[in-house]
Structure formats: C-alpha cells, structure tokens
Amino acid sequence: MKKTVLALAFLAYASNAQAQQRLSTLSLTCGQAQQIILSRGADVLSTGTYTYDRFVRDRSFCEFNEGLEPAFVPTRDTPQCPIGYRCRSHDLDFFGD
C-alpha cells in the first residue's frame, strides 16, 4: 500500500514537472512568432493572460472540412502581427435545407 501511494505521488510529480508553459505572443517579436509557426507548421500560443489559440502555416495542418482564416496576434513589437492562419470549420450542408 505504501509503495503504491509513493508510486502515484511520484507519477503526479513527474507529470507536473514535464508540463511546459505555453509560449506567449506578448513576449515575442512579430518575426519570432511568425518563425515559430513557419518552422513548426502548427502550434498553440498564448495571446493574452487567459487567451490562447492554435495557429497554422497552411491548410495541411487543418482537418478536411476546415479552411483557413488569417490570424493576427499582439506581439511585443506589433499590435496586429500576421502570424499565419487559424483552421475554421466549414458548415457542410448535405441536405440542402
């Protein structure tokens, strides 16, 4: 029983230690934020204290029923940095209502 509790405590500690803090666009320059999306293809970035979103380089990082929407975020040096795109779902109307 004691070993089980210790093992669970260790797992909880290890999982918390491995959690990474999300990058914030507010601490990056516009060029740095753009480079992150260009190099990674897609990433989730904080855009404010309690806000975040997923940004993509191109449509290949979206689902088949999603299109692209240009994304602008605040950065350290630019209030509206064109960081890339967001994936947005298209409403599919199969029944022609």
PDB file of N, CA and C in Angstrom:
ATOM      1  N   MET A   1       0.829  -1.202   0.000  1.00  0.00           N
ATOM      2  CA  MET A   1       0.000   0.000   0.000  1.00  0.00           C
ATOM      3  C   MET A   1       0.861   1.247   0.000  1.00  0.00           C
ATOM      4  N   LYS A   2       1.892   1.245   0.867  1.00  0.00           N
ATOM      5  CA  LYS A   2       2.772   2.403   0.964  1.00  0.00           C
ATOM      6  C   LYS A   2       3.519   2.637  -0.347  1.00  0.00           C
ATOM      7  N   LYS A   3       3.954   1.543  -0.991  1.00  0.00           N
ATOM      8  CA  LYS A   3       4.666   1.645  -2.263  1.00  0.00           C
ATOM      9  C   LYS A   3       3.752   2.194  -3.350  1.00  0.00           C
ATOM     10  N   THR A   4       2.481   1.788  -3.333  1.00  0.00           N
ATOM     11  CA  THR A   4       1.522   2.267  -4.318  1.00  0.00           C
ATOM     12  C   THR A   4       1.314   3.773  -4.173  1.00  0.00           C
ATOM     13  N   VAL A   5       1.164   4.236  -2.953  1.00  0.00           N
ATOM     14  CA  VAL A   5       0.970   5.670  -2.700  1.00  0.00           C
ATOM     15  C   VAL A   5       2.204   6.448  -3.146  1.00  0.00           C
ATOM     16  N   LEU A   6       3.379   5.932  -2.836  1.00  0.00           N
ATOM     17  CA  LEU A   6       4.611   6.604  -3.259  1.00  0.00           C
ATOM     18  C   LEU A   6       4.734   6.637  -4.773  1.00  0.00           C
ATOM     19  N   ALA A   7       4.380   5.539  -5.421  1.00  0.00           N
ATOM     20  CA  ALA A   7       4.448   5.479  -6.878  1.00  0.00           C
ATOM     21  C   ALA A   7       3.493   6.490  -7.507  1.00  0.00           C
ATOM     22  N   LEU A   8       2.270   6.582  -6.977  1.00  0.00           N
ATOM     23  CA  LEU A   8       1.298   7.550  -7.500  1.00  0.00           C
ATOM     24  C   LEU A   8       1.753   8.984  -7.269  1.00  0.00           C
ATOM     25  N   ALA A   9       2.340   9.238  -6.106  1.00  0.00           N
ATOM     26  CA  ALA A   9       2.851  10.580  -5.816  1.00  0.00           C
ATOM     27  C   ALA A   9       3.981  10.932  -6.769  1.00  0.00           C
ATOM     28  N   PHE A  10       4.858   9.987  -7.042  1.00  0.00           N
ATOM     29  CA  PHE A  10       5.957  10.231  -7.972  1.00  0.00           C
ATOM     30  C   PHE A  10       5.435  10.510  -9.376  1.00  0.00           C
ATOM     31  N   LEU A  11       4.444   9.729  -9.831  1.00  0.00           N
ATOM     32  CA  LEU A  11       3.872   9.952 -11.161  1.00  0.00           C
ATOM     33  C   LEU A  11       3.231  11.325 -11.274  1.00  0.00           C
ATOM     34  N   ALA A  12       2.522  11.738 -10.242  1.00  0.00           N
ATOM     35  CA  ALA A  12       1.895  13.060 -10.251  1.00  0.00           C
ATOM     36  C   ALA A  12       2.959  14.150 -10.326  1.00  0.00           C
ATOM     37  N   TYR A  13       4.029  14.007  -9.558  1.00  0.00           N
ATOM     38  CA  TYR A  13       5.116  14.981  -9.571  1.00  0.00           C
ATOM     39  C   TYR A  13       5.795  15.003 -10.935  1.00  0.00           C
ATOM     40  N   ALA A  14       6.072  13.848 -11.507  1.00  0.00           N
ATOM     41  CA  ALA A  14       6.759  13.769 -12.794  1.00  0.00           C
ATOM     42  C   ALA A  14       5.926  14.381 -13.908  1.00  0.00           C
ATOM     43  N   SER A  15       4.623  14.141 -13.898  1.00  0.00           N
ATOM     44  CA  SER A  15       3.785  14.696 -14.954  1.00  0.00           C
ATOM     45  C   SER A  15       3.705  16.213 -14.846  1.00  0.00           C
ATOM     46  N   ASN A  16       3.688  16.756 -13.641  1.00  0.00           N
ATOM     47  CA  ASN A  16       3.684  18.210 -13.467  1.00  0.00           C
ATOM     48  C   ASN A  16       5.016  18.814 -13.876  1.00  0.00           C
ATOM     49  N   ALA A  17       6.109  18.132 -13.614  1.00  0.00           N
ATOM     50  CA  ALA A  17       7.426  18.645 -13.950  1.00  0.00           C
ATOM     51  C   ALA A  17       7.636  18.688 -15.456  1.00  0.00           C
ATOM     52  N   GLN A  18       6.988  17.785 -16.177  1.00  0.00           N
ATOM     53  CA  GLN A  18       7.172  17.740 -17.618  1.00  0.00           C
ATOM     54  C   GLN A  18       6.270  18.729 -18.353  1.00  0.00           C
ATOM     55  N   ALA A  19       5.256  19.257 -17.712  1.00  0.00           N
ATOM     56  CA  ALA A  19       4.363  20.210 -18.358  1.00  0.00           C
ATOM     57  C   ALA A  19       5.134  21.469 -18.704  1.00  0.00           C
ATOM     58  N   GLN A  20       4.975  21.902 -19.923  1.00  0.00           N
ATOM     59  CA  GLN A  20       5.668  23.101 -20.363  1.00  0.00           C
ATOM     60  C   GLN A  20       4.698  24.272 -20.388  1.00  0.00           C
ATOM     61  N   GLN A  21       5.230  25.426 -20.056  1.00  0.00           N
ATOM     62  CA  GLN A  21       4.416  26.619 -20.132  1.00  0.00           C
ATOM     63  C   GLN A  21       4.282  27.013 -21.598  1.00  0.00           C
ATOM     64  N   ARG A  22       3.089  27.407 -21.988  1.00  0.00           N
ATOM     65  CA  ARG A  22       2.810  27.798 -23.366  1.00  0.00           C
ATOM     66  C   ARG A  22       3.511  29.119 -23.684  1.00  0.00           C
ATOM     67  N   LEU A  23       4.122  29.223 -24.861  1.00  0.00           N
ATOM     68  CA  LEU A  23       4.739  30.470 -25.284  1.00  0.00           C
ATOM     69  C   LEU A  23       3.675  31.543 -25.443  1.00  0.00           C
ATOM     70  N   SER A  24       4.024  32.764 -25.107  1.00  0.00           N
ATOM     71  CA  SER A  24       3.110  33.887 -25.242  1.00  0.00           C
ATOM     72  C   SER A  24       3.571  34.789 -26.370  1.00  0.00           C
ATOM     73  N   THR A  25       2.641  35.162 -27.234  1.00  0.00           N
ATOM     74  CA  THR A  25       2.984  36.081 -28.318  1.00  0.00           C
ATOM     75  C   THR A  25       3.385  37.448 -27.765  1.00  0.00           C
ATOM     76  N   LEU A  26       2.909  37.776 -26.570  1.00  0.00           N
ATOM     77  CA  LEU A  26       3.226  39.076 -25.975  1.00  0.00           C
ATOM     78  C   LEU A  26       4.696  39.204 -25.585  1.00  0.00           C
ATOM     79  N   SER A  27       5.382  38.079 -25.427  1.00  0.00           N
ATOM     80  CA  SER A  27       6.798  38.125 -25.070  1.00  0.00           C
ATOM     81  C   SER A  27       7.703  37.929 -26.281  1.00  0.00           C
ATOM     82  N   LEU A  28       7.111  37.738 -27.458  1.00  0.00           N
ATOM     83  CA  LEU A  28       7.868  37.517 -28.690  1.00  0.00           C
ATOM     84  C   LEU A  28       7.753  38.720 -29.613  1.00  0.00           C
ATOM     85  N   THR A  29       8.751  38.908 -30.470  1.00  0.00           N
ATOM     86  CA  THR A  29       8.601  39.890 -31.538  1.00  0.00           C
ATOM     87  C   THR A  29       7.718  39.271 -32.613  1.00  0.00           C
ATOM     88  N   CYS A  30       7.224  40.081 -33.503  1.00  0.00           N
ATOM     89  CA  CYS A  30       6.385  39.581 -34.588  1.00  0.00           C
ATOM     90  C   CYS A  30       7.161  38.553 -35.411  1.00  0.00           C
ATOM     91  N   GLY A  31       8.393  38.849 -35.728  1.00  0.00           N
ATOM     92  CA  GLY A  31       9.216  37.930 -36.510  1.00  0.00           C
ATOM     93  C   GLY A  31       9.437  36.600 -35.809  1.00  0.00           C
ATOM     94  N   GLN A  32       9.645  36.634 -34.505  1.00  0.00           N
ATOM     95  CA  GLN A  32       9.835  35.393 -33.746  1.00  0.00           C
ATOM     96  C   GLN A  32       8.565  34.547 -33.755  1.00  0.00           C
ATOM     97  N   ALA A  33       7.421  35.182 -33.557  1.00  0.00           N
ATOM     98  CA  ALA A  33       6.142  34.458 -33.555  1.00  0.00           C
ATOM     99  C   ALA A  33       5.887  33.834 -34.930  1.00  0.00           C
ATOM    100  N   GLN A  34       6.141  34.593 -35.987  1.00  0.00           N
ATOM    101  CA  GLN A  34       5.960  34.069 -37.341  1.00  0.00           C
ATOM    102  C   GLN A  34       6.889  32.882 -37.594  1.00  0.00           C
ATOM    103  N   GLN A  35       8.122  32.976 -37.139  1.00  0.00           N
ATOM    104  CA  GLN A  35       9.097  31.911 -37.350  1.00  0.00           C
ATOM    105  C   GLN A  35       8.702  30.624 -36.633  1.00  0.00           C
ATOM    106  N   ILE A  36       8.113  30.743 -35.451  1.00  0.00           N
ATOM    107  CA  ILE A  36       7.651  29.556 -34.714  1.00  0.00           C
ATOM    108  C   ILE A  36       6.624  28.803 -35.551  1.00  0.00           C
ATOM    109  N   ILE A  37       5.663  29.512 -36.099  1.00  0.00           N
ATOM    110  CA  ILE A  37       4.620  28.866 -36.892  1.00  0.00           C
ATOM    111  C   ILE A  37       5.199  28.333 -38.201  1.00  0.00           C
ATOM    112  N   LEU A  38       6.069  29.084 -38.838  1.00  0.00           N
ATOM    113  CA  LEU A  38       6.679  28.602 -40.081  1.00  0.00           C
ATOM    114  C   LEU A  38       7.508  27.342 -39.855  1.00  0.00           C
ATOM    115  N   SER A  39       8.278  27.308 -38.799  1.00  0.00           N
ATOM    116  CA  SER A  39       9.163  26.165 -38.574  1.00  0.00           C
ATOM    117  C   SER A  39       8.428  24.937 -38.041  1.00  0.00           C
ATOM    118  N   ARG A  40       7.434  25.133 -37.194  1.00  0.00           N
ATOM    119  CA  ARG A  40       6.719  24.001 -36.586  1.00  0.00           C
ATOM    120  C   ARG A  40       5.508  23.556 -37.405  1.00  0.00           C
ATOM    121  N   GLY A  41       4.997  24.446 -38.226  1.00  0.00           N
ATOM    122  CA  GLY A  41       3.807  24.131 -39.008  1.00  0.00           C
ATOM    123  C   GLY A  41       2.523  24.470 -38.290  1.00  0.00           C
ATOM    124  N   ALA A  42       2.476  24.196 -36.994  1.00  0.00           N
ATOM    125  CA  ALA A  42       1.304  24.497 -36.172  1.00  0.00           C
ATOM    126  C   ALA A  42       1.739  24.537 -34.724  1.00  0.00           C
ATOM    127  N   ASP A  43       1.111  25.412 -33.949  1.00  0.00           N
ATOM    128  CA  ASP A  43       1.417  25.480 -32.518  1.00  0.00           C
ATOM    129  C   ASP A  43       0.298  26.224 -31.810  1.00  0.00           C
ATOM    130  N   VAL A  44       0.185  25.950 -30.519  1.00  0.00           N
ATOM    131  CA  VAL A  44      -0.756  26.664 -29.664  1.00  0.00           C
ATOM    132  C   VAL A  44       0.039  27.700 -28.892  1.00  0.00           C
ATOM    133  N   LEU A  45      -0.354  28.962 -29.019  1.00  0.00           N
ATOM    134  CA  LEU A  45       0.341  30.063 -28.358  1.00  0.00           C
ATOM    135  C   LEU A  45      -0.640  30.879 -27.532  1.00  0.00           C
ATOM    136  N   SER A  46      -0.188  31.372 -26.396  1.00  0.00           N
ATOM    137  CA  SER A  46      -0.984  32.310 -25.609  1.00  0.00           C
ATOM    138  C   SER A  46      -0.963  33.654 -26.319  1.00  0.00           C
ATOM    139  N   THR A  47      -2.103  34.325 -26.274  1.00  0.00           N
ATOM    140  CA  THR A  47      -2.208  35.646 -26.886  1.00  0.00           C
ATOM    141  C   THR A  47      -2.574  36.713 -25.862  1.00  0.00           C
ATOM    142  N   GLY A  48      -2.692  36.297 -24.622  1.00  0.00           N
ATOM    143  CA  GLY A  48      -3.032  37.192 -23.525  1.00  0.00           C
ATOM    144  C   GLY A  48      -3.003  36.396 -22.236  1.00  0.00           C
ATOM    145  N   THR A  49      -3.398  37.018 -21.155  1.00  0.00           N
ATOM    146  CA  THR A  49      -3.346  36.362 -19.858  1.00  0.00           C
ATOM    147  C   THR A  49      -4.174  35.088 -19.815  1.00  0.00           C
ATOM    148  N   TYR A  50      -5.385  35.121 -20.351  1.00  0.00           N
ATOM    149  CA  TYR A  50      -6.274  33.963 -20.292  1.00  0.00           C
ATOM    150  C   TYR A  50      -6.714  33.490 -21.676  1.00  0.00           C
ATOM    151  N   THR A  51      -5.990  33.865 -22.717  1.00  0.00           N
ATOM    152  CA  THR A  51      -6.392  33.506 -24.069  1.00  0.00           C
ATOM    153  C   THR A  51      -5.268  32.775 -24.791  1.00  0.00           C
ATOM    154  N   TYR A  52      -5.666  31.861 -25.666  1.00  0.00           N
ATOM    155  CA  TYR A  52      -4.713  31.137 -26.494  1.00  0.00           C
ATOM    156  C   TYR A  52      -5.448  30.630 -27.719  1.00  0.00           C
ATOM    157  N   ASP A  53      -4.683  30.222 -28.716  1.00  0.00           N
ATOM    158  CA  ASP A  53      -5.280  29.676 -29.925  1.00  0.00           C
ATOM    159  C   ASP A  53      -4.239  28.826 -30.644  1.00  0.00           C
ATOM    160  N   ARG A  54      -4.714  28.047 -31.583  1.00  0.00           N
ATOM    161  CA  ARG A  54      -3.832  27.223 -32.411  1.00  0.00           C
ATOM    162  C   ARG A  54      -3.655  27.938 -33.737  1.00  0.00           C
ATOM    163  N   PHE A  55      -2.406  28.096 -34.135  1.00  0.00           N
ATOM    164  CA  PHE A  55      -2.067  28.781 -35.378  1.00  0.00           C
ATOM    165  C   PHE A  55      -1.350  27.811 -36.296  1.00  0.00           C
ATOM    166  N   VAL A  56      -1.604  27.945 -37.601  1.00  0.00           N
ATOM    167  CA  VAL A  56      -1.030  27.022 -38.576  1.00  0.00           C
ATOM    168  C   VAL A  56      -0.344  27.772 -39.704  1.00  0.00           C
ATOM    169  N   ARG A  57       0.564  27.053 -40.363  1.00  0.00           N
ATOM    170  CA  ARG A  57       1.309  27.600 -41.502  1.00  0.00           C
ATOM    171  C   ARG A  57       0.479  27.536 -42.779  1.00  0.00           C
ATOM    172  N   ASP A  58      -0.230  26.411 -42.972  1.00  0.00           N
ATOM    173  CA  ASP A  58      -1.013  26.222 -44.202  1.00  0.00           C
ATOM    174  C   ASP A  58      -2.126  25.208 -43.947  1.00  0.00           C
ATOM    175  N   ARG A  59      -2.929  24.961 -44.950  1.00  0.00           N
ATOM    176  CA  ARG A  59      -4.114  24.121 -44.808  1.00  0.00           C
ATOM    177  C   ARG A  59      -3.787  22.662 -44.494  1.00  0.00           C
ATOM    178  N   SER A  60      -2.583  22.227 -44.765  1.00  0.00           N
ATOM    179  CA  SER A  60      -2.236  20.833 -44.488  1.00  0.00           C
ATOM    180  C   SER A  60      -2.294  20.509 -42.987  1.00  0.00           C
ATOM    181  N   PHE A  61      -2.363  21.517 -42.133  1.00  0.00           N
ATOM    182  CA  PHE A  61      -2.447  21.323 -40.691  1.00  0.00           C
ATOM    183  C   PHE A  61      -3.891  21.421 -40.181  1.00  0.00           C
ATOM    184  N   CYS A  62      -4.842  21.489 -41.107  1.00  0.00           N
ATOM    185  CA  CYS A  62      -6.260  21.561 -40.756  1.00  0.00           C
ATOM    186  C   CYS A  62      -6.945  20.238 -41.098  1.00  0.00           C
ATOM    187  N   GLU A  63      -8.137  20.041 -40.551  1.00  0.00           N
ATOM    188  CA  GLU A  63      -8.950  18.879 -40.890  1.00  0.00           C
ATOM    189  C   GLU A  63      -9.520  19.056 -42.300  1.00  0.00           C
ATOM    190  N   PHE A  64     -10.024  17.958 -42.878  1.00  0.00           N
ATOM    191  CA  PHE A  64     -10.509  18.001 -44.263  1.00  0.00           C
ATOM    192  C   PHE A  64     -11.661  18.978 -44.460  1.00  0.00           C
ATOM    193  N   ASN A  65     -12.471  19.202 -43.431  1.00  0.00           N
ATOM    194  CA  ASN A  65     -13.625  20.089 -43.557  1.00  0.00           C
ATOM    195  C   ASN A  65     -13.343  21.499 -43.040  1.00  0.00           C
ATOM    196  N   GLU A  66     -12.072  21.837 -42.895  1.00  0.00           N
ATOM    197  CA  GLU A  66     -11.700  23.161 -42.401  1.00  0.00           C
ATOM    198  C   GLU A  66     -10.979  23.963 -43.475  1.00  0.00           C
ATOM    199  N   GLY A  67     -11.173  25.264 -43.390  1.00  0.00           N
ATOM    200  CA  GLY A  67     -10.464  26.187 -44.255  1.00  0.00           C
ATOM    201  C   GLY A  67      -9.576  27.089 -43.414  1.00  0.00           C
ATOM    202  N   LEU A  68      -8.920  28.019 -44.072  1.00  0.00           N
ATOM    203  CA  LEU A  68      -8.008  28.926 -43.383  1.00  0.00           C
ATOM    204  C   LEU A  68      -8.635  30.287 -43.156  1.00  0.00           C
ATOM    205  N   GLU A  69      -8.279  30.870 -42.025  1.00  0.00           N
ATOM    206  CA  GLU A  69      -8.671  32.234 -41.688  1.00  0.00           C
ATOM    207  C   GLU A  69      -7.390  32.961 -41.270  1.00  0.00           C
ATOM    208  N   PRO A  70      -7.070  34.084 -41.895  1.00  0.00           N
ATOM    209  CA  PRO A  70      -5.855  34.806 -41.490  1.00  0.00           C
ATOM    210  C   PRO A  70      -5.902  35.152 -40.001  1.00  0.00           C
ATOM    211  N   ALA A  71      -4.754  35.035 -39.340  1.00  0.00           N
ATOM    212  CA  ALA A  71      -4.684  35.278 -37.897  1.00  0.00           C
ATOM    213  C   ALA A  71      -3.716  36.417 -37.605  1.00  0.00           C
ATOM    214  N   PHE A  72      -4.155  37.339 -36.780  1.00  0.00           N
ATOM    215  CA  PHE A  72      -3.351  38.467 -36.337  1.00  0.00           C
ATOM    216  C   PHE A  72      -3.331  38.452 -34.812  1.00  0.00           C
ATOM    217  N   VAL A  73      -2.142  38.573 -34.234  1.00  0.00           N
ATOM    218  CA  VAL A  73      -2.000  38.498 -32.776  1.00  0.00           C
ATOM    219  C   VAL A  73      -1.155  39.663 -32.279  1.00  0.00           C
ATOM    220  N   PRO A  74      -1.349  40.047 -31.017  1.00  0.00           N
ATOM    221  CA  PRO A  74      -0.465  41.070 -30.439  1.00  0.00           C
ATOM    222  C   PRO A  74       0.886  40.442 -30.092  1.00  0.00           C
ATOM    223  N   THR A  75       1.950  41.142 -30.424  1.00  0.00           N
ATOM    224  CA  THR A  75       3.299  40.713 -30.051  1.00  0.00           C
ATOM    225  C   THR A  75       3.993  41.855 -29.328  1.00  0.00           C
ATOM    226  N   ARG A  76       5.198  41.601 -28.887  1.00  0.00           N
ATOM    227  CA  ARG A  76       5.948  42.605 -28.123  1.00  0.00           C
ATOM    228  C   ARG A  76       6.147  43.892 -28.913  1.00  0.00           C
ATOM    229  N   ASP A  77       6.298  43.789 -30.234  1.00  0.00           N
ATOM    230  CA  ASP A  77       6.603  44.969 -31.041  1.00  0.00           C
ATOM    231  C   ASP A  77       5.513  45.375 -32.033  1.00  0.00           C
ATOM    232  N   THR A  78       4.447  44.588 -32.117  1.00  0.00           N
ATOM    233  CA  THR A  78       3.402  44.861 -33.109  1.00  0.00           C
ATOM    234  C   THR A  78       2.030  44.527 -32.525  1.00  0.00           C
ATOM    235  N   PRO A  79       1.077  45.460 -32.580  1.00  0.00           N
ATOM    236  CA  PRO A  79      -0.242  45.162 -32.020  1.00  0.00           C
ATOM    237  C   PRO A  79      -1.046  44.146 -32.843  1.00  0.00           C
ATOM    238  N   GLN A  80      -0.792  44.064 -34.142  1.00  0.00           N
ATOM    239  CA  GLN A  80      -1.520  43.148 -35.020  1.00  0.00           C
ATOM    240  C   GLN A  80      -0.535  42.436 -35.952  1.00  0.00           C
ATOM    241  N   CYS A  81       0.154  41.439 -35.437  1.00  0.00           N
ATOM    242  CA  CYS A  81       1.149  40.692 -36.208  1.00  0.00           C
ATOM    243  C   CYS A  81       0.467  39.588 -37.021  1.00  0.00           C
ATOM    244  N   PRO A  82       0.701  39.540 -38.342  1.00  0.00           N
ATOM    245  CA  PRO A  82       0.134  38.457 -39.161  1.00  0.00           C
ATOM    246  C   PRO A  82       0.933  37.166 -38.943  1.00  0.00           C
ATOM    247  N   ILE A  83       0.478  36.361 -38.005  1.00  0.00           N
ATOM    248  CA  ILE A  83       1.248  35.193 -37.557  1.00  0.00           C
ATOM    249  C   ILE A  83       1.089  33.983 -38.470  1.00  0.00           C
ATOM    250  N   GLY A  84       0.011  33.923 -39.197  1.00  0.00           N
ATOM    251  CA  GLY A  84      -0.292  32.765 -40.044  1.00  0.00           C
ATOM    252  C   GLY A  84      -1.792  32.634 -40.178  1.00  0.00           C
ATOM    253  N   TYR A  85      -2.299  31.444 -39.864  1.00  0.00           N
ATOM    254  CA  TYR A  85      -3.725  31.181 -40.044  1.00  0.00           C
ATOM    255  C   TYR A  85      -4.297  30.410 -38.861  1.00  0.00           C
ATOM    256  N   ARG A  86      -5.631  30.428 -38.768  1.00  0.00           N
ATOM    257  CA  ARG A  86      -6.393  29.553 -37.886  1.00  0.00           C
ATOM    258  C   ARG A  86      -7.204  28.628 -38.781  1.00  0.00           C
ATOM    259  N   CYS A  87      -7.412  27.410 -38.331  1.00  0.00           N
ATOM    260  CA  CYS A  87      -8.306  26.486 -39.032  1.00  0.00           C
ATOM    261  C   CYS A  87      -9.727  26.778 -38.579  1.00  0.00           C
ATOM    262  N   ARG A  88     -10.627  26.926 -39.535  1.00  0.00           N
ATOM    263  CA  ARG A  88     -12.035  27.166 -39.212  1.00  0.00           C
ATOM    264  C   ARG A  88     -12.889  26.191 -40.000  1.00  0.00           C
ATOM    265  N   SER A  89     -13.850  25.583 -39.311  1.00  0.00           N
ATOM    266  CA  SER A  89     -14.682  24.581 -39.983  1.00  0.00           C
ATOM    267  C   SER A  89     -15.684  25.245 -40.905  1.00  0.00           C
ATOM    268  N   HIS A  90     -15.931  24.544 -42.018  1.00  0.00           N
ATOM    269  CA  HIS A  90     -16.954  24.969 -42.971  1.00  0.00           C
ATOM    270  C   HIS A  90     -18.237  24.267 -42.583  1.00  0.00           C
ATOM    271  N   ASP A  91     -19.329  24.964 -42.657  1.00  0.00           N
ATOM    272  CA  ASP A  91     -20.621  24.319 -42.423  1.00  0.00           C
ATOM    273  C   ASP A  91     -20.966  23.517 -43.670  1.00  0.00           C
ATOM    274  N   LEU A  92     -21.068  22.208 -43.500  1.00  0.00           N
ATOM    275  CA  LEU A  92     -21.436  21.345 -44.616  1.00  0.00           C
ATOM    276  C   LEU A  92     -22.938  21.155 -44.626  1.00  0.00           C
ATOM    277  N   ASP A  93     -23.556  21.477 -45.747  1.00  0.00           N
ATOM    278  CA  ASP A  93     -24.998  21.358 -45.872  1.00  0.00           C
ATOM    279  C   ASP A  93     -25.310  20.204 -46.828  1.00  0.00           C
ATOM    280  N   PHE A  94     -25.394  19.001 -46.279  1.00  0.00           N
ATOM    281  CA  PHE A  94     -25.629  17.819 -47.102  1.00  0.00           C
ATOM    282  C   PHE A  94     -27.075  17.719 -47.577  1.00  0.00           C
ATOM    283  N   PHE A  95     -28.000  18.338 -46.879  1.00  0.00           N
ATOM    284  CA  PHE A  95     -29.403  18.138 -47.161  1.00  0.00           C
ATOM    285  C   PHE A  95     -30.060  19.318 -47.885  1.00  0.00           C
ATOM    286  N   GLY A  96     -29.304  20.361 -48.128  1.00  0.00           N
ATOM    287  CA  GLY A  96     -29.835  21.500 -48.872  1.00  0.00           C
ATOM    288  C   GLY A  96     -30.971  22.221 -48.200  1.00  0.00           C
ATOM    289  N   ASP A  97     -30.949  22.314 -46.889  1.00  0.00           N
ATOM    290  CA  ASP A  97     -32.033  22.983 -46.157  1.00  0.00           C
ATOM    291  C   ASP A  97     -32.075  24.448 -46.441  1.00  0.00           C
TER     292      ASP A  97
END
